[in-house]
Amino acid sequence: MKEDDKNNELTQLEIDNIIDKSINLSIISYLLKTNLITEKQYYIIKEKIKSFY
């Protein structure tokens, strides 16, 4: 394996964070589609999720 390949690999924590972020965004998208949250709430929560990761 080259040195460049090692630098491009994701750590397990980075992978976990990507998965968690995707799950959270999926959940709030579902809540919006089912009208359990408003569009304004969706965007507020989405920004909070993005800033968390």
C-alpha atoms as a PDB file:
ATOM      1  CA  MET A   1       0.000   0.000   0.000  1.00  0.00           C
ATOM      2  CA  LYS A   2       1.346   3.429  -0.896  1.00  0.00           C
ATOM      3  CA  GLU A   3       1.669   6.263   1.562  1.00  0.00           C
ATOM      4  CA  ASP A   4      -0.948   8.257  -0.386  1.00  0.00           C
ATOM      5  CA  ASP A   5      -3.458   5.435   0.019  1.00  0.00           C
ATOM      6  CA  LYS A   6      -3.056   5.499   3.790  1.00  0.00           C
ATOM      7  CA  ASN A   7      -3.777   9.217   3.896  1.00  0.00           C
ATOM      8  CA  ASN A   8      -6.967   8.799   1.858  1.00  0.00           C
ATOM      9  CA  GLU A   9      -8.471   6.068   4.012  1.00  0.00           C
ATOM     10  CA  LEU A  10     -11.260   6.967   6.383  1.00  0.00           C
ATOM     11  CA  THR A  11     -10.992   6.146  10.046  1.00  0.00           C
ATOM     12  CA  GLN A  12     -13.707   4.088  11.704  1.00  0.00           C
ATOM     13  CA  LEU A  13     -14.897   7.184  13.549  1.00  0.00           C
ATOM     14  CA  GLU A  14     -15.258   9.100  10.278  1.00  0.00           C
ATOM     15  CA  ILE A  15     -17.195   6.211   8.756  1.00  0.00           C
ATOM     16  CA  ASP A  16     -19.459   6.020  11.811  1.00  0.00           C
ATOM     17  CA  ASN A  17     -20.098   9.763  11.653  1.00  0.00           C
ATOM     18  CA  ILE A  18     -21.049   9.572   7.973  1.00  0.00           C
ATOM     19  CA  ILE A  19     -23.471   6.731   8.712  1.00  0.00           C
ATOM     20  CA  ASP A  20     -24.968   8.551  11.720  1.00  0.00           C
ATOM     21  CA  LYS A  21     -25.412  11.761   9.758  1.00  0.00           C
ATOM     22  CA  SER A  22     -27.110   9.885   6.915  1.00  0.00           C
ATOM     23  CA  ILE A  23     -29.472   8.128   9.302  1.00  0.00           C
ATOM     24  CA  ASN A  24     -30.387  11.379  11.043  1.00  0.00           C
ATOM     25  CA  LEU A  25     -31.049  13.162   7.752  1.00  0.00           C
ATOM     26  CA  SER A  26     -33.142  10.230   6.593  1.00  0.00           C
ATOM     27  CA  ILE A  27     -35.236  10.370   9.753  1.00  0.00           C
ATOM     28  CA  ILE A  28     -35.956  14.076   9.511  1.00  0.00           C
ATOM     29  CA  SER A  29     -36.778  13.694   5.812  1.00  0.00           C
ATOM     30  CA  TYR A  30     -39.308  11.039   6.737  1.00  0.00           C
ATOM     31  CA  LEU A  31     -40.768  13.290   9.448  1.00  0.00           C
ATOM     32  CA  LEU A  32     -41.175  16.067   6.907  1.00  0.00           C
ATOM     33  CA  LYS A  33     -42.814  13.783   4.342  1.00  0.00           C
ATOM     34  CA  THR A  34     -45.301  12.534   6.915  1.00  0.00           C
ATOM     35  CA  ASN A  35     -46.050  16.106   8.011  1.00  0.00           C
ATOM     36  CA  LEU A  36     -44.852  15.551  11.566  1.00  0.00           C
ATOM     37  CA  ILE A  37     -42.526  18.539  11.276  1.00  0.00           C
ATOM     38  CA  THR A  38     -42.773  21.690   9.199  1.00  0.00           C
ATOM     39  CA  GLU A  39     -40.362  22.648   6.448  1.00  0.00           C
ATOM     40  CA  LYS A  40     -38.935  25.362   8.682  1.00  0.00           C
ATOM     41  CA  GLN A  41     -38.293  22.816  11.454  1.00  0.00           C
ATOM     42  CA  TYR A  42     -36.722  20.480   8.911  1.00  0.00           C
ATOM     43  CA  TYR A  43     -34.162  23.060   7.815  1.00  0.00           C
ATOM     44  CA  ILE A  44     -33.359  24.068  11.387  1.00  0.00           C
ATOM     45  CA  ILE A  45     -32.762  20.461  12.415  1.00  0.00           C
ATOM     46  CA  LYS A  46     -30.813  19.762   9.228  1.00  0.00           C
ATOM     47  CA  GLU A  47     -28.418  22.640   9.955  1.00  0.00           C
ATOM     48  CA  LYS A  48     -27.968  21.424  13.534  1.00  0.00           C
ATOM     49  CA  ILE A  49     -27.117  17.956  12.266  1.00  0.00           C
ATOM     50  CA  LYS A  50     -24.609  19.354   9.785  1.00  0.00           C
ATOM     51  CA  SER A  51     -22.938  21.505  12.407  1.00  0.00           C
ATOM     52  CA  PHE A  52     -22.737  18.584  14.819  1.00  0.00           C
ATOM     53  CA  TYR A  53     -20.690  16.451  12.439  1.00  0.00           C
END
